[in-house]
Amino acid sequence: MEGTMAGSALRIVVAEYPRSGGTWLANLLGDALEIHKRDIYIVDGYPHYDARRHPWYAGAQHLGLTESCVIKSHELPGSPLVGFDARQVHLLRDGRDVVVSRFFYEADLCVRNGIYEKFDEPFDAYVPRVAREWREFVRAWREVAVPTVRYEELLEARAASLAGLLREFRLGVAESAVRRAVESNTRELMRKAMDSTYDHNTFVRVGDRGDWRNHFRPRHEEAFMSEAGELLRELGYL
């Protein structure tokens, strides 16, 4: 591949604030490049669920990183957890959709699968707290000279967005490989693939742009805008 030496290791870190589509982008990259997908937080002895049920780890000899892999991460720039040699991409999603997606992930999937014992934070408190976290995460990554991919652009032009990112990485991948990666990672196929991981599988819940409108009331919009409205405007989401 262009930009790499034959036989050399290739690692790509997908840095996302949780529930921004990191699993999807990691799948797309990993499948297009035909390398493993990994989660930076899943290692041997992972306590929260049987990670070997996850499609990324089926048949794996160990749960750690492989020599070449795409790695999903929620770390800030400079984190020692991702201090190894790797290419990086920041995956960005409208923070209002992130709030809703993460709330249902924690309150529903994590509780019903025993990852959390309970979740009792009310949505009214959750919105401003996660808005602040999202704002700080995104601002930190905007200060780093790495490619940024928008979740919304992936939704609208999946193959073109993936191919564009691979070009930024100077990785020559055939158009047919990009197309196969996109076709293998539709919402329906990803939802089905995760059925083996969770007894109650809502990991792929909605995934649409603008789902926040179905859950935010005026007070939630006001709370989010108070914490992160300026960044939404900078990013062109308003």
Protein backbone atom coordinates (compact mmCIF):
# COMPACT_ATOMS: atom_id res chain seq x y z
CA MET A 1 0.00 0.00 0.00
CA GLU A 2 1.16 3.51 -0.71
CA GLY A 3 2.61 5.17 2.37
CA THR A 4 3.61 1.91 4.06
CA MET A 5 6.46 -0.52 3.56
CA ALA A 6 5.61 -4.05 2.55
CA GLY A 7 4.99 -6.16 5.63
CA SER A 8 5.11 -3.22 8.02
CA ALA A 9 2.60 -2.78 10.81
CA LEU A 10 -0.32 -0.44 10.28
CA ARG A 11 -2.34 0.90 13.17
CA ILE A 12 -5.08 3.49 12.92
CA VAL A 13 -6.73 5.04 15.98
CA VAL A 14 -10.33 6.20 15.58
CA ALA A 15 -10.75 8.82 18.31
CA GLU A 16 -14.39 9.57 19.09
CA TYR A 17 -16.44 10.90 21.93
CA PRO A 18 -18.56 7.86 22.88
CA ARG A 19 -21.50 7.08 20.60
CA SER A 20 -20.20 9.07 17.64
CA GLY A 21 -20.01 6.07 15.30
CA GLY A 22 -16.54 4.78 16.16
CA THR A 23 -17.44 1.11 15.81
CA TRP A 24 -18.85 1.77 12.36
CA LEU A 25 -15.81 3.71 11.13
CA ALA A 26 -13.43 1.13 12.60
CA ASN A 27 -15.37 -1.59 10.78
CA LEU A 28 -15.21 0.31 7.51
CA LEU A 29 -11.48 0.96 7.75
CA GLY A 30 -10.61 -2.49 9.00
CA ASP A 31 -12.61 -4.24 6.31
CA ALA A 32 -11.32 -2.01 3.51
CA LEU A 33 -7.72 -2.59 4.65
CA GLU A 34 -8.31 -6.23 5.63
CA ILE A 35 -6.84 -5.79 9.10
CA HIS A 36 -8.20 -6.50 12.57
CA LYS A 37 -10.48 -4.19 14.56
CA ARG A 38 -9.83 -3.61 18.24
CA ASP A 39 -11.10 -1.58 21.20
CA ILE A 40 -8.39 0.15 23.24
CA TYR A 41 -10.20 -0.72 26.48
CA ILE A 42 -10.67 -4.44 25.83
CA VAL A 43 -7.75 -6.56 27.00
CA ASP A 44 -7.39 -10.09 28.36
CA GLY A 45 -9.45 -10.35 31.52
CA TYR A 46 -11.91 -7.67 30.40
CA PRO A 47 -14.57 -7.73 33.16
CA HIS A 48 -17.73 -6.17 31.74
CA TYR A 49 -18.94 -8.89 29.37
CA ASP A 50 -17.55 -11.83 27.44
CA ALA A 51 -15.61 -9.90 24.81
CA ARG A 52 -14.96 -13.06 22.81
CA ARG A 53 -18.62 -12.90 21.82
CA HIS A 54 -17.88 -9.60 20.06
CA PRO A 55 -17.39 -10.04 16.30
CA TRP A 56 -14.01 -8.28 16.48
CA TYR A 57 -12.64 -10.96 18.80
CA ALA A 58 -14.23 -14.16 17.49
CA GLY A 59 -11.49 -16.78 17.35
CA ALA A 60 -8.80 -14.35 18.54
CA GLN A 61 -5.86 -15.80 20.47
CA HIS A 62 -5.84 -12.76 22.77
CA LEU A 63 -7.87 -9.58 23.29
CA GLY A 64 -5.00 -7.12 22.98
CA LEU A 65 -3.92 -5.09 19.98
CA THR A 66 -2.54 -6.92 16.99
CA GLU A 67 0.43 -5.73 14.96
CA SER A 68 -1.86 -4.19 12.36
CA CYS A 69 -5.34 -3.08 13.40
CA VAL A 70 -7.88 -0.28 13.56
CA ILE A 71 -8.44 0.81 17.15
CA LYS A 72 -11.53 2.49 18.59
CA SER A 73 -10.66 4.95 21.34
CA HIS A 74 -12.36 7.57 23.48
CA GLU A 75 -9.03 9.04 24.61
CA LEU A 76 -7.96 12.66 24.45
CA PRO A 77 -4.89 13.65 22.41
CA GLY A 78 -1.65 12.61 24.08
CA SER A 79 -3.19 9.85 26.18
CA PRO A 80 -0.60 7.22 27.18
CA LEU A 81 -3.13 4.52 26.31
CA VAL A 82 -2.58 5.32 22.64
CA GLY A 83 1.05 6.36 22.89
CA PHE A 84 2.20 3.90 20.24
CA ASP A 85 2.97 4.66 16.59
CA ALA A 86 -0.33 5.00 14.74
CA ARG A 87 -2.25 7.15 12.32
CA GLN A 88 -5.15 8.95 13.93
CA VAL A 89 -8.55 10.20 12.83
CA HIS A 90 -11.07 12.19 14.85
CA LEU A 91 -14.67 11.12 14.28
CA LEU A 92 -17.12 13.94 14.94
CA ARG A 93 -20.89 13.82 15.42
CA ASP A 94 -23.50 16.42 16.33
CA GLY A 95 -23.29 16.56 20.12
CA ARG A 96 -27.05 16.59 20.54
CA ASP A 97 -27.36 13.23 18.80
CA VAL A 98 -24.42 11.99 20.87
CA VAL A 99 -26.22 12.90 24.09
CA VAL A 100 -29.32 10.94 23.13
CA SER A 101 -27.43 7.93 21.82
CA ARG A 102 -25.19 7.71 24.87
CA PHE A 103 -28.10 8.13 27.28
CA PHE A 104 -29.99 5.17 25.84
CA TYR A 105 -26.79 3.12 25.61
CA GLU A 106 -26.08 3.60 29.31
CA ALA A 107 -29.62 3.57 30.65
CA ASP A 108 -30.78 0.64 28.54
CA LEU A 109 -28.04 -1.56 27.05
CA CYS A 110 -25.52 -1.24 29.90
CA VAL A 111 -28.10 -1.88 32.60
CA ARG A 112 -29.95 -4.72 30.88
CA ASN A 113 -26.71 -6.52 30.04
CA GLY A 114 -25.27 -6.18 33.53
CA ILE A 115 -22.46 -3.81 32.52
CA TYR A 116 -23.93 -1.26 34.97
CA GLU A 117 -25.66 -2.32 38.15
CA LYS A 118 -28.00 0.64 37.75
CA PHE A 119 -28.33 3.97 35.97
CA ASP A 120 -30.43 6.62 37.65
CA GLU A 121 -29.14 9.95 36.30
CA PRO A 122 -32.14 11.94 35.02
CA PHE A 123 -32.04 13.17 31.44
CA ASP A 124 -32.32 16.78 32.64
CA ALA A 125 -28.96 16.43 34.41
CA TYR A 126 -27.43 14.17 31.78
CA VAL A 127 -27.80 16.64 28.90
CA PRO A 128 -25.63 19.48 30.27
CA ARG A 129 -23.04 17.10 31.74
CA VAL A 130 -22.48 15.20 28.51
CA ALA A 131 -22.63 18.43 26.49
CA ARG A 132 -19.67 19.73 28.52
CA GLU A 133 -17.73 16.50 28.06
CA TRP A 134 -18.42 16.45 24.32
CA ARG A 135 -17.38 20.10 23.99
CA GLU A 136 -14.05 19.53 25.75
CA PHE A 137 -13.31 16.34 23.81
CA VAL A 138 -14.04 17.89 20.42
CA ARG A 139 -12.15 21.10 21.20
CA ALA A 140 -9.10 19.09 22.24
CA TRP A 141 -9.07 17.11 19.01
CA ARG A 142 -9.62 20.22 16.89
CA GLU A 143 -6.25 21.43 18.16
CA VAL A 144 -4.48 18.38 16.71
CA ALA A 145 -3.43 18.08 13.08
CA VAL A 146 -5.23 14.84 12.23
CA PRO A 147 -8.00 14.14 9.71
CA THR A 148 -11.56 14.70 10.89
CA VAL A 149 -14.50 12.68 9.58
CA ARG A 150 -18.07 13.72 10.27
CA TYR A 151 -20.57 11.02 11.07
CA GLU A 152 -23.17 12.89 9.06
CA GLU A 153 -20.93 12.85 5.97
CA LEU A 154 -20.48 9.10 6.37
CA LEU A 155 -24.26 8.73 6.39
CA GLU A 156 -24.68 10.79 3.23
CA ALA A 157 -21.71 9.51 1.19
CA ARG A 158 -20.28 6.39 2.77
CA ALA A 159 -17.95 5.18 0.05
CA ALA A 160 -16.73 8.66 -0.85
CA SER A 161 -16.03 9.57 2.78
CA LEU A 162 -14.17 6.32 3.42
CA ALA A 163 -12.14 6.63 0.22
CA GLY A 164 -11.30 10.23 1.06
CA LEU A 165 -9.98 9.28 4.49
CA LEU A 166 -7.86 6.49 3.04
CA ARG A 167 -6.37 8.97 0.57
CA GLU A 168 -5.55 11.33 3.44
CA PHE A 169 -3.70 8.45 5.06
CA ARG A 170 -1.96 7.80 1.72
CA LEU A 171 -3.25 4.25 1.70
CA GLY A 172 -4.02 3.00 -1.77
CA VAL A 173 -7.15 0.84 -1.55
CA ALA A 174 -9.07 -0.42 -4.55
CA GLU A 175 -12.51 1.05 -5.15
CA SER A 176 -13.94 -2.46 -5.02
CA ALA A 177 -12.53 -2.96 -1.50
CA VAL A 178 -14.09 0.30 -0.34
CA ARG A 179 -17.41 -0.72 -1.83
CA ARG A 180 -17.29 -4.13 -0.17
CA ALA A 181 -16.50 -2.56 3.19
CA VAL A 182 -19.50 -0.24 2.89
CA GLU A 183 -21.81 -3.05 1.78
CA SER A 184 -20.64 -5.25 4.67
CA ASN A 185 -21.37 -2.62 7.30
CA THR A 186 -24.93 -1.51 6.79
CA ARG A 187 -26.94 -0.69 9.88
CA GLU A 188 -28.88 -3.92 9.59
CA LEU A 189 -25.77 -6.11 9.24
CA MET A 190 -24.01 -4.38 12.11
CA ARG A 191 -27.05 -4.80 14.33
CA LYS A 192 -27.20 -8.50 13.49
CA ALA A 193 -23.46 -8.95 14.06
CA MET A 194 -23.77 -7.51 17.57
CA ASP A 195 -26.56 -9.95 18.49
CA SER A 196 -23.88 -12.42 19.53
CA THR A 197 -22.29 -9.90 21.90
CA TYR A 198 -25.24 -8.78 24.01
CA ASP A 199 -28.24 -10.67 25.36
CA HIS A 200 -30.16 -7.39 24.97
CA ASN A 201 -28.78 -5.81 21.81
CA THR A 202 -29.56 -2.15 21.21
CA PHE A 203 -25.97 -1.22 20.39
CA VAL A 204 -27.08 -0.07 16.94
CA ARG A 205 -30.21 1.80 17.99
CA VAL A 206 -31.27 4.47 15.49
CA GLY A 207 -28.17 5.99 13.92
CA ASP A 208 -29.98 8.74 12.04
CA ARG A 209 -29.07 12.38 11.92
CA GLY A 210 -31.28 14.63 14.05
CA ASP A 211 -32.76 11.97 16.36
CA TRP A 212 -32.21 14.44 19.22
CA ARG A 213 -35.34 16.28 18.07
CA ASN A 214 -37.40 13.28 19.16
CA HIS A 215 -36.12 13.49 22.73
CA PHE A 216 -35.07 17.07 23.52
CA ARG A 217 -37.61 19.41 25.04
CA PRO A 218 -37.01 23.18 25.00
CA ARG A 219 -35.26 22.98 28.38
CA HIS A 220 -32.86 20.36 27.02
CA GLU A 221 -32.05 22.45 23.97
CA GLU A 222 -31.41 25.42 26.24
CA ALA A 223 -29.18 23.36 28.54
CA PHE A 224 -27.15 21.96 25.66
CA MET A 225 -26.77 25.33 23.98
CA SER A 226 -25.62 26.89 27.24
CA GLU A 227 -22.77 24.37 27.45
CA ALA A 228 -21.85 23.74 23.83
CA GLY A 229 -23.85 26.03 21.56
CA GLU A 230 -20.80 28.06 20.53
CA LEU A 231 -19.02 24.91 19.35
CA LEU A 232 -22.10 23.73 17.45
CA ARG A 233 -22.04 27.04 15.54
CA GLU A 234 -18.30 26.77 14.87
CA LEU A 235 -18.82 23.31 13.45
CA GLY A 236 -21.73 24.38 11.26
CA TYR A 237 -24.37 22.29 12.97
CA LEU A 238 -26.56 25.36 13.47
